[in-house]
N, C-alpha and C. Protein backbone atom coordinates (compact mmCIF):
# COMPACT_ATOMS: atom_id res chain seq x y z
N UNK A 1 19.13 -33.54 -11.06
CA UNK A 1 19.68 -32.46 -10.29
C UNK A 1 20.33 -31.58 -11.11
N UNK A 2 20.60 -30.45 -11.06
CA UNK A 2 21.01 -29.67 -11.87
C UNK A 2 22.61 -29.56 -11.61
N UNK A 3 23.01 -29.10 -12.96
CA UNK A 3 24.73 -29.12 -12.80
C UNK A 3 25.36 -27.67 -13.38
N UNK A 4 26.47 -27.63 -12.92
CA UNK A 4 27.16 -26.09 -13.00
C UNK A 4 28.70 -26.61 -13.46
N UNK A 5 28.94 -26.64 -14.84
CA UNK A 5 30.27 -27.06 -15.53
C UNK A 5 31.05 -26.00 -14.52
N UNK A 6 32.21 -26.78 -14.03
CA UNK A 6 33.21 -25.46 -13.64
C UNK A 6 34.26 -25.53 -14.40
N UNK A 7 34.38 -26.43 -15.50
CA UNK A 7 35.69 -26.49 -16.54
C UNK A 7 35.20 -27.68 -17.65
N UNK A 8 35.90 -27.46 -18.78
CA UNK A 8 35.43 -28.14 -20.01
C UNK A 8 36.75 -27.77 -20.56
N UNK A 9 37.32 -28.85 -21.29
CA UNK A 9 38.21 -28.96 -22.36
C UNK A 9 37.76 -30.57 -23.45
N UNK A 10 38.02 -30.03 -24.48
CA UNK A 10 37.96 -31.25 -25.42
C UNK A 10 38.71 -31.30 -26.58
N UNK A 11 39.38 -31.93 -26.74
CA UNK A 11 40.48 -31.74 -27.91
C UNK A 11 40.73 -32.99 -28.57
N UNK A 12 41.51 -33.34 -29.89
CA UNK A 12 41.68 -34.62 -29.95
C UNK A 12 43.63 -34.39 -29.82
N UNK A 13 43.81 -35.87 -29.14
CA UNK A 13 45.29 -35.75 -28.33
C UNK A 13 45.51 -36.99 -28.68
N UNK A 14 47.16 -37.47 -28.82
CA UNK A 14 47.41 -39.05 -28.64
C UNK A 14 47.55 -39.23 -28.15
N UNK A 15 47.43 -40.69 -27.66
CA UNK A 15 46.97 -41.84 -26.69
C UNK A 15 48.55 -41.36 -25.43
N UNK A 16 49.32 -41.28 -26.34
CA UNK A 16 50.92 -40.89 -25.34
C UNK A 16 50.56 -39.53 -24.70
N UNK A 17 49.95 -38.39 -25.12
CA UNK A 17 49.30 -37.37 -24.36
C UNK A 17 48.36 -37.53 -23.65
N UNK A 18 47.64 -38.34 -23.67
CA UNK A 18 46.05 -38.57 -23.09
C UNK A 18 46.98 -39.54 -21.68
N UNK A 19 47.84 -40.39 -22.29
CA UNK A 19 48.30 -40.95 -20.64
C UNK A 19 49.42 -40.29 -19.98
N UNK A 20 49.81 -39.11 -20.75
CA UNK A 20 50.69 -38.28 -19.93
C UNK A 20 49.86 -37.26 -18.85
N UNK A 21 48.61 -37.13 -19.46
CA UNK A 21 47.52 -36.24 -18.23
C UNK A 21 47.10 -37.07 -17.48
N UNK A 22 46.75 -38.47 -17.41
CA UNK A 22 46.29 -39.35 -16.88
C UNK A 22 47.31 -39.56 -15.55
N UNK A 23 48.46 -39.69 -15.77
CA UNK A 23 49.89 -39.71 -15.46
C UNK A 23 49.79 -38.48 -14.11
N UNK A 24 49.41 -37.64 -14.74
CA UNK A 24 49.69 -36.37 -13.92
C UNK A 24 48.67 -36.13 -12.94
N UNK A 25 47.20 -36.69 -12.95
CA UNK A 25 46.22 -37.12 -12.18
C UNK A 25 46.35 -37.74 -11.22
N UNK A 26 46.99 -39.21 -11.90
CA UNK A 26 47.13 -40.19 -10.61
C UNK A 26 48.06 -39.49 -9.65
N UNK A 27 49.55 -39.10 -10.21
CA UNK A 27 50.59 -38.47 -9.25
C UNK A 27 49.91 -37.55 -8.07
N UNK A 28 49.23 -36.66 -8.84
CA UNK A 28 48.79 -35.66 -7.92
C UNK A 28 47.72 -36.28 -6.77
N UNK A 29 46.94 -37.26 -7.20
CA UNK A 29 45.92 -38.11 -6.33
C UNK A 29 46.81 -38.55 -5.22
N UNK A 30 47.77 -39.53 -5.74
CA UNK A 30 48.66 -40.37 -4.87
C UNK A 30 49.35 -39.35 -3.97
N UNK A 31 49.67 -38.21 -4.26
CA UNK A 31 50.58 -37.50 -3.43
C UNK A 31 49.75 -36.56 -2.50
N UNK A 32 48.21 -36.44 -2.56
CA UNK A 32 47.18 -35.85 -2.23
C UNK A 32 47.20 -34.33 -2.28
N UNK A 33 47.74 -34.12 -3.39
CA UNK A 33 47.99 -33.03 -3.91
C UNK A 33 46.15 -32.55 -4.75
N UNK A 34 46.32 -31.19 -4.94
CA UNK A 34 44.98 -30.56 -5.55
C UNK A 34 45.26 -30.69 -6.74
N UNK A 35 44.10 -30.71 -7.51
CA UNK A 35 44.47 -31.25 -9.10
C UNK A 35 43.97 -29.70 -9.91
N UNK A 36 44.85 -29.22 -10.54
CA UNK A 36 44.57 -27.65 -11.03
C UNK A 36 44.48 -27.96 -12.67
N UNK A 37 43.37 -27.50 -13.03
CA UNK A 37 43.22 -27.78 -14.68
C UNK A 37 43.06 -26.35 -15.15
N UNK A 38 43.94 -26.66 -16.19
CA UNK A 38 43.60 -24.97 -16.99
C UNK A 38 43.91 -25.47 -18.85
N UNK A 39 42.89 -24.54 -19.32
CA UNK A 39 43.26 -24.34 -20.77
C UNK A 39 42.68 -22.90 -21.35
N UNK A 40 43.80 -22.04 -21.71
CA UNK A 40 43.65 -20.74 -22.14
C UNK A 40 43.38 -20.05 -20.87
N UNK A 41 42.44 -19.02 -20.80
CA UNK A 41 41.68 -18.26 -19.59
C UNK A 41 41.27 -19.16 -18.41
N UNK A 42 40.63 -20.29 -19.01
CA UNK A 42 39.70 -21.29 -17.76
C UNK A 42 40.95 -21.83 -16.81
N UNK A 43 40.54 -22.03 -15.56
CA UNK A 43 41.28 -22.52 -14.51
C UNK A 43 40.26 -23.00 -13.55
N UNK A 44 40.33 -24.37 -12.93
CA UNK A 44 39.87 -24.74 -11.89
C UNK A 44 40.71 -25.29 -10.99
N UNK A 45 40.70 -25.22 -9.80
CA UNK A 45 41.44 -26.52 -8.95
C UNK A 45 40.58 -27.26 -7.84
N UNK A 46 40.54 -28.13 -7.90
CA UNK A 46 39.91 -28.85 -7.14
C UNK A 46 40.63 -29.74 -6.07
N UNK A 47 40.11 -29.92 -4.99
CA UNK A 47 40.69 -30.91 -3.95
C UNK A 47 40.23 -32.33 -3.85
N UNK A 48 40.00 -33.15 -4.37
CA UNK A 48 39.27 -34.47 -4.04
C UNK A 48 39.57 -35.00 -2.72
N UNK A 49 38.49 -35.47 -2.14
CA UNK A 49 39.08 -36.14 -0.76
C UNK A 49 39.60 -37.69 -0.50
N UNK A 50 39.74 -37.87 0.59
CA UNK A 50 40.64 -39.49 0.53
C UNK A 50 40.44 -40.40 0.14
N UNK A 51 38.52 -40.04 -0.13
CA UNK A 51 38.13 -41.87 -0.66
C UNK A 51 36.66 -41.23 -1.48
N UNK A 52 37.00 -40.44 -2.52
CA UNK A 52 35.82 -39.79 -3.34
C UNK A 52 35.32 -41.12 -4.14
N UNK A 53 33.82 -41.21 -4.63
CA UNK A 53 33.35 -42.25 -5.48
C UNK A 53 34.40 -42.20 -7.03
N UNK A 54 34.55 -43.18 -7.59
CA UNK A 54 35.27 -43.55 -8.69
C UNK A 54 34.51 -44.16 -9.76
N UNK A 55 33.83 -43.37 -10.66
CA UNK A 55 32.86 -44.09 -11.81
C UNK A 55 33.89 -44.35 -13.08
N UNK A 56 34.10 -45.23 -13.34
CA UNK A 56 33.95 -45.77 -14.87
C UNK A 56 32.96 -46.02 -16.06
N UNK A 57 33.03 -45.51 -16.87
CA UNK A 57 32.05 -45.88 -17.86
C UNK A 57 32.43 -45.96 -19.37
N UNK A 58 31.78 -46.92 -19.99
CA UNK A 58 32.09 -47.40 -21.33
C UNK A 58 30.80 -47.19 -22.22
N UNK A 59 30.73 -46.85 -22.91
CA UNK A 59 29.49 -46.26 -24.12
C UNK A 59 29.81 -46.66 -25.30
N UNK A 60 28.59 -46.82 -26.29
CA UNK A 60 28.42 -46.68 -27.41
C UNK A 60 27.43 -45.85 -27.71
N UNK A 61 27.64 -45.01 -28.33
CA UNK A 61 26.79 -43.77 -28.72
C UNK A 61 26.69 -43.49 -30.49
N UNK A 62 25.49 -42.46 -30.80
CA UNK A 62 25.36 -42.47 -32.03
C UNK A 62 23.43 -42.58 -32.18
N UNK A 63 23.27 -42.39 -33.45
CA UNK A 63 22.55 -42.52 -34.12
C UNK A 63 21.65 -43.75 -34.19
N UNK A 64 20.35 -44.21 -33.93
CA UNK A 64 19.50 -45.41 -33.97
C UNK A 64 20.04 -46.15 -35.51
N UNK A 65 20.95 -47.35 -35.30
CA UNK A 65 20.91 -47.85 -36.31
C UNK A 65 22.81 -47.90 -36.83
N UNK A 66 23.41 -46.46 -36.33
CA UNK A 66 24.56 -46.54 -36.49
C UNK A 66 25.62 -45.97 -35.38
N UNK A 67 25.22 -46.67 -34.39
CA UNK A 67 26.28 -46.27 -32.90
C UNK A 67 27.55 -46.25 -32.89
N UNK A 68 28.22 -46.35 -33.61
CA UNK A 68 29.96 -46.10 -33.78
C UNK A 68 30.46 -45.23 -33.00
N UNK A 69 30.51 -44.39 -32.39
CA UNK A 69 31.33 -43.86 -31.41
C UNK A 69 31.16 -44.53 -30.16
N UNK A 70 32.20 -44.59 -29.90
CA UNK A 70 32.68 -45.14 -28.12
C UNK A 70 33.43 -43.92 -27.29
N UNK A 71 33.23 -44.35 -26.35
CA UNK A 71 34.06 -43.46 -25.16
C UNK A 71 33.96 -44.35 -23.77
N UNK A 72 35.24 -43.88 -23.19
CA UNK A 72 35.30 -44.23 -21.90
C UNK A 72 35.58 -43.32 -21.13
N UNK A 73 34.74 -42.95 -19.93
CA UNK A 73 34.61 -41.75 -19.03
C UNK A 73 35.13 -42.35 -17.52
N UNK A 74 35.91 -41.55 -16.98
CA UNK A 74 36.52 -41.76 -15.85
C UNK A 74 36.04 -40.41 -14.99
N UNK A 75 35.53 -40.66 -13.71
CA UNK A 75 34.68 -40.04 -12.99
C UNK A 75 35.17 -40.04 -11.77
N UNK A 76 35.45 -38.91 -10.93
CA UNK A 76 35.75 -38.98 -9.67
C UNK A 76 34.72 -38.07 -9.08
N UNK A 77 33.82 -38.27 -7.82
CA UNK A 77 32.62 -37.52 -7.74
C UNK A 77 32.74 -37.77 -6.23
N UNK A 78 32.67 -36.44 -4.97
CA UNK A 78 32.42 -36.66 -4.01
C UNK A 78 31.62 -35.05 -3.44
N UNK A 79 30.87 -35.05 -2.51
CA UNK A 79 29.82 -33.77 -2.07
C UNK A 79 30.94 -32.90 -1.17
N UNK A 80 31.18 -31.81 -1.91
CA UNK A 80 32.47 -31.30 -0.60
C UNK A 80 31.48 -30.34 0.31
N UNK A 81 30.34 -30.73 0.82
CA UNK A 81 29.87 -30.49 2.39
C UNK A 81 30.05 -31.56 2.92
N UNK A 82 30.18 -32.84 2.43
CA UNK A 82 30.22 -33.97 3.21
C UNK A 82 31.40 -34.89 3.51
N UNK A 83 31.48 -35.05 4.34
CA UNK A 83 32.87 -35.89 4.69
C UNK A 83 32.67 -37.60 4.20
N UNK A 84 31.54 -38.20 4.23
CA UNK A 84 31.21 -39.44 4.13
C UNK A 84 31.76 -39.60 2.65
N UNK A 85 32.61 -40.99 2.59
CA UNK A 85 32.82 -41.84 1.78
C UNK A 85 31.90 -42.35 0.81
N UNK A 86 31.90 -42.24 -0.53
CA UNK A 86 31.11 -42.90 -1.50
C UNK A 86 30.98 -44.32 -1.56
N UNK A 87 29.75 -45.00 -1.80
CA UNK A 87 29.43 -46.15 -2.04
C UNK A 87 30.16 -47.18 -3.17
N UNK A 88 30.00 -48.22 -3.50
CA UNK A 88 30.93 -48.83 -4.30
C UNK A 88 29.86 -50.08 -5.37
N UNK A 89 30.21 -50.80 -6.27
CA UNK A 89 29.51 -51.77 -6.71
C UNK A 89 30.65 -53.22 -7.26
N UNK A 90 31.66 -52.98 -6.26
CA UNK A 90 32.58 -54.37 -6.61
C UNK A 90 33.89 -53.84 -7.02
N UNK A 91 34.68 -54.89 -6.71
CA UNK A 91 35.92 -54.37 -7.33
C UNK A 91 36.24 -53.86 -8.68
N UNK A 92 36.75 -52.78 -8.78
CA UNK A 92 37.19 -52.27 -10.28
C UNK A 92 38.20 -53.07 -10.69
N UNK A 93 38.66 -53.71 -12.03
CA UNK A 93 40.10 -54.26 -12.33
C UNK A 93 40.19 -53.46 -14.10
N UNK A 94 41.15 -53.13 -14.41
CA UNK A 94 41.92 -52.38 -15.65
C UNK A 94 43.03 -53.74 -16.12
N UNK A 95 42.60 -53.96 -17.36
CA UNK A 95 43.82 -54.72 -17.51
C UNK A 95 44.42 -53.95 -18.90
């Protein structure tokens, strides 16, 4: 499926700075407010529905035999033309 990137930001941040961004996202989701993402002259405002699909993915990447890069991805996904909620694969736990 084709993909159009509406916004992208990538930079080294401290764990505390990342936690602050995630708290702001959580606060906006909790209160039902839209999420405005801005970096430099780029910006986008998104308004997730009440029940978007939430995907959490942990990966190991790198060239064969040297897969030393780790990542955690958090993704909210929804169809802006469909009011239906997403499916699920079981209860998520983060400790």
